[in-house]
Amino acid sequence: MAVESQGGRPLVLGLLLCVLGPVVSHAGKILLIPVDGSHWLSMLGAIQQLQQRGHEIVVLAPDASLYIRDG
């Protein structure tokens, strides 16, 4: 069985994605489903920094939680 060569297409496509990826991609919305406890407390600082930089943060948390508060 012969294997057909794809030439330089995959290489060119990969380079194009590496060059244009940061220009055309936007990551502004973040969905969080946290675990209550120390994981949430250690993640809270990073979440606040992302929010200050303009990201939209949505936290999906249970009603009864020790550490996760509204706002």
PDB file of N, CA and C in Angstrom:
ATOM      1  N   MET A   1       0.848  -1.167   0.000  1.00  0.00           N
ATOM      2  CA  MET A   1       0.000   0.000   0.000  1.00  0.00           C
ATOM      3  C   MET A   1       0.898   1.237   0.000  1.00  0.00           C
ATOM      4  N   ALA A   2       0.665   2.122  -0.909  1.00  0.00           N
ATOM      5  CA  ALA A   2       1.491   3.324  -1.031  1.00  0.00           C
ATOM      6  C   ALA A   2       0.923   4.443  -0.155  1.00  0.00           C
ATOM      7  N   VAL A   3       1.829   5.190   0.441  1.00  0.00           N
ATOM      8  CA  VAL A   3       1.436   6.329   1.268  1.00  0.00           C
ATOM      9  C   VAL A   3       1.623   7.588   0.445  1.00  0.00           C
ATOM     10  N   GLU A   4       0.558   8.354   0.297  1.00  0.00           N
ATOM     11  CA  GLU A   4       0.642   9.584  -0.489  1.00  0.00           C
ATOM     12  C   GLU A   4       1.232  10.707   0.345  1.00  0.00           C
ATOM     13  N   SER A   5       2.084  11.488  -0.271  1.00  0.00           N
ATOM     14  CA  SER A   5       2.698  12.624   0.412  1.00  0.00           C
ATOM     15  C   SER A   5       1.752  13.812   0.375  1.00  0.00           C
ATOM     16  N   GLN A   6       1.659  14.513   1.467  1.00  0.00           N
ATOM     17  CA  GLN A   6       0.801  15.694   1.534  1.00  0.00           C
ATOM     18  C   GLN A   6       1.581  16.952   1.215  1.00  0.00           C
ATOM     19  N   GLY A   7       2.834  16.804   0.900  1.00  0.00           N
ATOM     20  CA  GLY A   7       3.648  17.965   0.585  1.00  0.00           C
ATOM     21  C   GLY A   7       3.850  18.834   1.810  1.00  0.00           C
ATOM     22  N   GLY A   8       3.847  20.140   1.621  1.00  0.00           N
ATOM     23  CA  GLY A   8       4.065  21.071   2.720  1.00  0.00           C
ATOM     24  C   GLY A   8       2.790  21.641   3.300  1.00  0.00           C
ATOM     25  N   ARG A   9       1.636  21.142   2.869  1.00  0.00           N
ATOM     26  CA  ARG A   9       0.357  21.701   3.339  1.00  0.00           C
ATOM     27  C   ARG A   9       0.201  21.695   4.856  1.00  0.00           C
ATOM     28  N   PRO A  10       0.411  20.569   5.534  1.00  0.00           N
ATOM     29  CA  PRO A  10       0.250  20.589   6.999  1.00  0.00           C
ATOM     30  C   PRO A  10       1.213  21.553   7.683  1.00  0.00           C
ATOM     31  N   LEU A  11       2.424  21.642   7.172  1.00  0.00           N
ATOM     32  CA  LEU A  11       3.407  22.550   7.756  1.00  0.00           C
ATOM     33  C   LEU A  11       2.985  24.003   7.574  1.00  0.00           C
ATOM     34  N   VAL A  12       2.537  24.341   6.370  1.00  0.00           N
ATOM     35  CA  VAL A  12       2.098  25.715   6.098  1.00  0.00           C
ATOM     36  C   VAL A  12       0.873  26.056   6.936  1.00  0.00           C
ATOM     37  N   LEU A  13      -0.073  25.129   7.024  1.00  0.00           N
ATOM     38  CA  LEU A  13      -1.277  25.366   7.822  1.00  0.00           C
ATOM     39  C   LEU A  13      -0.925  25.543   9.298  1.00  0.00           C
ATOM     40  N   GLY A  14      -0.026  24.714   9.810  1.00  0.00           N
ATOM     41  CA  GLY A  14       0.398  24.838  11.205  1.00  0.00           C
ATOM     42  C   GLY A  14       1.068  26.170  11.488  1.00  0.00           C
ATOM     43  N   LEU A  15       1.950  26.604  10.594  1.00  0.00           N
ATOM     44  CA  LEU A  15       2.613  27.899  10.765  1.00  0.00           C
ATOM     45  C   LEU A  15       1.618  29.048  10.691  1.00  0.00           C
ATOM     46  N   LEU A  16       0.662  28.945   9.782  1.00  0.00           N
ATOM     47  CA  LEU A  16      -0.362  29.983   9.646  1.00  0.00           C
ATOM     48  C   LEU A  16      -1.196  30.100  10.922  1.00  0.00           C
ATOM     49  N   LEU A  17      -1.563  28.967  11.509  1.00  0.00           N
ATOM     50  CA  LEU A  17      -2.330  28.988  12.758  1.00  0.00           C
ATOM     51  C   LEU A  17      -1.515  29.575  13.905  1.00  0.00           C
ATOM     52  N   CYS A  18      -0.223  29.277  13.943  1.00  0.00           N
ATOM     53  CA  CYS A  18       0.634  29.828  15.006  1.00  0.00           C
ATOM     54  C   CYS A  18       0.775  31.337  14.885  1.00  0.00           C
ATOM     55  N   VAL A  19       0.833  31.827  13.656  1.00  0.00           N
ATOM     56  CA  VAL A  19       1.018  33.265  13.441  1.00  0.00           C
ATOM     57  C   VAL A  19      -0.282  34.027  13.645  1.00  0.00           C
ATOM     58  N   LEU A  20      -1.382  33.514  13.100  1.00  0.00           N
ATOM     59  CA  LEU A  20      -2.652  34.239  13.153  1.00  0.00           C
ATOM     60  C   LEU A  20      -3.502  33.898  14.368  1.00  0.00           C
ATOM     61  N   GLY A  21      -3.212  32.813  15.057  1.00  0.00           N
ATOM     62  CA  GLY A  21      -4.007  32.386  16.208  1.00  0.00           C
ATOM     63  C   GLY A  21      -4.208  33.457  17.248  1.00  0.00           C
ATOM     64  N   PRO A  22      -3.138  34.075  17.762  1.00  0.00           N
ATOM     65  CA  PRO A  22      -3.316  35.115  18.783  1.00  0.00           C
ATOM     66  C   PRO A  22      -4.050  36.353  18.281  1.00  0.00           C
ATOM     67  N   VAL A  23      -3.977  36.620  16.984  1.00  0.00           N
ATOM     68  CA  VAL A  23      -4.611  37.817  16.430  1.00  0.00           C
ATOM     69  C   VAL A  23      -6.121  37.644  16.316  1.00  0.00           C
ATOM     70  N   VAL A  24      -6.573  36.462  15.912  1.00  0.00           N
ATOM     71  CA  VAL A  24      -7.989  36.259  15.631  1.00  0.00           C
ATOM     72  C   VAL A  24      -8.748  35.569  16.763  1.00  0.00           C
ATOM     73  N   SER A  25      -8.074  35.191  17.831  1.00  0.00           N
ATOM     74  CA  SER A  25      -8.773  34.520  18.928  1.00  0.00           C
ATOM     75  C   SER A  25      -8.961  35.469  20.106  1.00  0.00           C
ATOM     76  N   HIS A  26     -10.096  35.309  20.773  1.00  0.00           N
ATOM     77  CA  HIS A  26     -10.416  36.116  21.945  1.00  0.00           C
ATOM     78  C   HIS A  26     -10.927  35.180  23.038  1.00  0.00           C
ATOM     79  N   ALA A  27     -10.426  35.350  24.231  1.00  0.00           N
ATOM     80  CA  ALA A  27     -10.873  34.526  25.355  1.00  0.00           C
ATOM     81  C   ALA A  27     -11.398  35.453  26.433  1.00  0.00           C
ATOM     82  N   GLY A  28     -12.649  35.848  26.315  1.00  0.00           N
ATOM     83  CA  GLY A  28     -13.188  36.820  27.239  1.00  0.00           C
ATOM     84  C   GLY A  28     -14.200  36.277  28.222  1.00  0.00           C
ATOM     85  N   LYS A  29     -14.725  35.072  27.966  1.00  0.00           N
ATOM     86  CA  LYS A  29     -15.754  34.517  28.845  1.00  0.00           C
ATOM     87  C   LYS A  29     -15.238  33.235  29.485  1.00  0.00           C
ATOM     88  N   ILE A  30     -15.389  33.146  30.809  1.00  0.00           N
ATOM     89  CA  ILE A  30     -14.885  31.998  31.554  1.00  0.00           C
ATOM     90  C   ILE A  30     -15.999  31.455  32.438  1.00  0.00           C
ATOM     91  N   LEU A  31     -16.249  30.146  32.348  1.00  0.00           N
ATOM     92  CA  LEU A  31     -17.221  29.466  33.200  1.00  0.00           C
ATOM     93  C   LEU A  31     -16.458  28.661  34.240  1.00  0.00           C
ATOM     94  N   LEU A  32     -16.773  28.888  35.514  1.00  0.00           N
ATOM     95  CA  LEU A  32     -16.127  28.169  36.613  1.00  0.00           C
ATOM     96  C   LEU A  32     -17.145  27.303  37.341  1.00  0.00           C
ATOM     97  N   ILE A  33     -16.761  26.060  37.587  1.00  0.00           N
ATOM     98  CA  ILE A  33     -17.553  25.157  38.414  1.00  0.00           C
ATOM     99  C   ILE A  33     -16.619  24.722  39.543  1.00  0.00           C
ATOM    100  N   PRO A  34     -16.531  25.523  40.613  1.00  0.00           N
ATOM    101  CA  PRO A  34     -15.526  25.285  41.646  1.00  0.00           C
ATOM    102  C   PRO A  34     -15.922  24.210  42.651  1.00  0.00           C
ATOM    103  N   VAL A  35     -14.899  23.729  43.351  1.00  0.00           N
ATOM    104  CA  VAL A  35     -15.074  22.822  44.484  1.00  0.00           C
ATOM    105  C   VAL A  35     -14.888  23.663  45.738  1.00  0.00           C
ATOM    106  N   ASP A  36     -15.805  23.532  46.681  1.00  0.00           N
ATOM    107  CA  ASP A  36     -15.732  24.324  47.908  1.00  0.00           C
ATOM    108  C   ASP A  36     -14.518  23.918  48.741  1.00  0.00           C
ATOM    109  N   GLY A  37     -13.939  24.875  49.416  1.00  0.00           N
ATOM    110  CA  GLY A  37     -12.808  24.594  50.295  1.00  0.00           C
ATOM    111  C   GLY A  37     -11.559  25.313  49.837  1.00  0.00           C
ATOM    112  N   SER A  38     -10.406  24.699  50.122  1.00  0.00           N
ATOM    113  CA  SER A  38      -9.127  25.354  49.837  1.00  0.00           C
ATOM    114  C   SER A  38      -8.900  25.569  48.345  1.00  0.00           C
ATOM    115  N   HIS A  39      -9.493  24.718  47.497  1.00  0.00           N
ATOM    116  CA  HIS A  39      -9.342  24.915  46.053  1.00  0.00           C
ATOM    117  C   HIS A  39      -9.942  26.257  45.635  1.00  0.00           C
ATOM    118  N   TRP A  40     -11.091  26.578  46.171  1.00  0.00           N
ATOM    119  CA  TRP A  40     -11.749  27.846  45.838  1.00  0.00           C
ATOM    120  C   TRP A  40     -10.950  29.026  46.372  1.00  0.00           C
ATOM    121  N   LEU A  41     -10.458  28.914  47.591  1.00  0.00           N
ATOM    122  CA  LEU A  41      -9.707  30.015  48.197  1.00  0.00           C
ATOM    123  C   LEU A  41      -8.425  30.308  47.424  1.00  0.00           C
ATOM    124  N   SER A  42      -7.743  29.276  46.944  1.00  0.00           N
ATOM    125  CA  SER A  42      -6.511  29.501  46.187  1.00  0.00           C
ATOM    126  C   SER A  42      -6.795  30.009  44.778  1.00  0.00           C
ATOM    127  N   MET A  43      -7.962  29.721  44.244  1.00  0.00           N
ATOM    128  CA  MET A  43      -8.325  30.147  42.896  1.00  0.00           C
ATOM    129  C   MET A  43      -8.904  31.563  42.875  1.00  0.00           C
ATOM    130  N   LEU A  44      -9.372  32.043  44.005  1.00  0.00           N
ATOM    131  CA  LEU A  44     -10.078  33.324  44.073  1.00  0.00           C
ATOM    132  C   LEU A  44      -9.219  34.499  43.600  1.00  0.00           C
ATOM    133  N   GLY A  45      -7.953  34.540  43.964  1.00  0.00           N
ATOM    134  CA  GLY A  45      -7.070  35.630  43.538  1.00  0.00           C
ATOM    135  C   GLY A  45      -6.906  35.681  42.030  1.00  0.00           C
ATOM    136  N   ALA A  46      -6.746  34.515  41.407  1.00  0.00           N
ATOM    137  CA  ALA A  46      -6.606  34.458  39.947  1.00  0.00           C
ATOM    138  C   ALA A  46      -7.895  34.900  39.257  1.00  0.00           C
ATOM    139  N   ILE A  47      -9.023  34.525  39.823  1.00  0.00           N
ATOM    140  CA  ILE A  47     -10.314  34.917  39.252  1.00  0.00           C
ATOM    141  C   ILE A  47     -10.485  36.429  39.309  1.00  0.00           C
ATOM    142  N   GLN A  48     -10.126  37.028  40.423  1.00  0.00           N
ATOM    143  CA  GLN A  48     -10.246  38.483  40.564  1.00  0.00           C
ATOM    144  C   GLN A  48      -9.336  39.212  39.580  1.00  0.00           C
ATOM    145  N   GLN A  49      -8.134  38.693  39.343  1.00  0.00           N
ATOM    146  CA  GLN A  49      -7.226  39.306  38.372  1.00  0.00           C
ATOM    147  C   GLN A  49      -7.800  39.216  36.960  1.00  0.00           C
ATOM    148  N   LEU A  50      -8.365  38.079  36.610  1.00  0.00           N
ATOM    149  CA  LEU A  50      -8.972  37.924  35.288  1.00  0.00           C
ATOM    150  C   LEU A  50     -10.144  38.881  35.113  1.00  0.00           C
ATOM    151  N   GLN A  51     -10.935  39.052  36.153  1.00  0.00           N
ATOM    152  CA  GLN A  51     -12.076  39.960  36.088  1.00  0.00           C
ATOM    153  C   GLN A  51     -11.616  41.403  35.929  1.00  0.00           C
ATOM    154  N   GLN A  52     -10.545  41.788  36.604  1.00  0.00           N
ATOM    155  CA  GLN A  52     -10.010  43.146  36.474  1.00  0.00           C
ATOM    156  C   GLN A  52      -9.480  43.406  35.069  1.00  0.00           C
ATOM    157  N   ARG A  53      -9.053  42.361  34.380  1.00  0.00           N
ATOM    158  CA  ARG A  53      -8.527  42.499  33.016  1.00  0.00           C
ATOM    159  C   ARG A  53      -9.621  42.468  31.960  1.00  0.00           C
ATOM    160  N   GLY A  54     -10.884  42.414  32.400  1.00  0.00           N
ATOM    161  CA  GLY A  54     -11.993  42.528  31.462  1.00  0.00           C
ATOM    162  C   GLY A  54     -12.667  41.234  31.063  1.00  0.00           C
ATOM    163  N   HIS A  55     -12.288  40.114  31.661  1.00  0.00           N
ATOM    164  CA  HIS A  55     -12.934  38.850  31.329  1.00  0.00           C
ATOM    165  C   HIS A  55     -14.290  38.764  32.022  1.00  0.00           C
ATOM    166  N   GLU A  56     -15.231  38.122  31.356  1.00  0.00           N
ATOM    167  CA  GLU A  56     -16.550  37.884  31.948  1.00  0.00           C
ATOM    168  C   GLU A  56     -16.500  36.530  32.660  1.00  0.00           C
ATOM    169  N   ILE A  57     -16.683  36.541  33.976  1.00  0.00           N
ATOM    170  CA  ILE A  57     -16.579  35.335  34.794  1.00  0.00           C
ATOM    171  C   ILE A  57     -17.971  34.918  35.256  1.00  0.00           C
ATOM    172  N   VAL A  58     -18.325  33.652  35.020  1.00  0.00           N
ATOM    173  CA  VAL A  58     -19.577  33.085  35.512  1.00  0.00           C
ATOM    174  C   VAL A  58     -19.209  31.914  36.415  1.00  0.00           C
ATOM    175  N   VAL A  59     -19.691  31.948  37.659  1.00  0.00           N
ATOM    176  CA  VAL A  59     -19.405  30.885  38.624  1.00  0.00           C
ATOM    177  C   VAL A  59     -20.683  30.099  38.864  1.00  0.00           C
ATOM    178  N   LEU A  60     -20.628  28.806  38.605  1.00  0.00           N
ATOM    179  CA  LEU A  60     -21.755  27.908  38.823  1.00  0.00           C
ATOM    180  C   LEU A  60     -21.486  27.164  40.128  1.00  0.00           C
ATOM    181  N   ALA A  61     -22.149  27.593  41.204  1.00  0.00           N
ATOM    182  CA  ALA A  61     -21.875  27.051  42.535  1.00  0.00           C
ATOM    183  C   ALA A  61     -23.179  26.636  43.218  1.00  0.00           C
ATOM    184  N   PRO A  62     -23.099  25.699  44.157  1.00  0.00           N
ATOM    185  CA  PRO A  62     -24.297  25.286  44.895  1.00  0.00           C
ATOM    186  C   PRO A  62     -24.772  26.381  45.844  1.00  0.00           C
ATOM    187  N   ASP A  63     -26.046  26.315  46.220  1.00  0.00           N
ATOM    188  CA  ASP A  63     -26.607  27.298  47.155  1.00  0.00           C
ATOM    189  C   ASP A  63     -25.949  27.201  48.529  1.00  0.00           C
ATOM    190  N   ALA A  64     -25.727  25.993  49.000  1.00  0.00           N
ATOM    191  CA  ALA A  64     -25.113  25.789  50.314  1.00  0.00           C
ATOM    192  C   ALA A  64     -23.610  25.599  50.132  1.00  0.00           C
ATOM    193  N   SER A  65     -22.851  26.607  50.541  1.00  0.00           N
ATOM    194  CA  SER A  65     -21.404  26.558  50.391  1.00  0.00           C
ATOM    195  C   SER A  65     -20.744  27.301  51.546  1.00  0.00           C
ATOM    196  N   LEU A  66     -19.627  26.793  52.025  1.00  0.00           N
ATOM    197  CA  LEU A  66     -18.933  27.436  53.138  1.00  0.00           C
ATOM    198  C   LEU A  66     -18.145  28.663  52.695  1.00  0.00           C
ATOM    199  N   TYR A  67     -17.473  28.590  51.550  1.00  0.00           N
ATOM    200  CA  TYR A  67     -16.560  29.649  51.140  1.00  0.00           C
ATOM    201  C   TYR A  67     -17.024  30.454  49.932  1.00  0.00           C
ATOM    202  N   ILE A  68     -17.812  29.865  49.062  1.00  0.00           N
ATOM    203  CA  ILE A  68     -18.220  30.532  47.827  1.00  0.00           C
ATOM    204  C   ILE A  68     -19.391  31.458  48.129  1.00  0.00           C
ATOM    205  N   ARG A  69     -19.195  32.746  47.904  1.00  0.00           N
ATOM    206  CA  ARG A  69     -20.212  33.763  48.187  1.00  0.00           C
ATOM    207  C   ARG A  69     -20.627  34.469  46.906  1.00  0.00           C
ATOM    208  N   ASP A  70     -21.804  35.076  46.906  1.00  0.00           N
ATOM    209  CA  ASP A  70     -22.255  35.885  45.770  1.00  0.00           C
ATOM    210  C   ASP A  70     -21.401  37.133  45.658  1.00  0.00           C
ATOM    211  N   GLY A  71     -21.200  37.549  44.404  1.00  0.00           N
ATOM    212  CA  GLY A  71     -20.490  38.807  44.178  1.00  0.00           C
ATOM    213  C   GLY A  71     -19.051  38.609  44.169  1.00  0.00           C
TER     214      GLY A  71
END
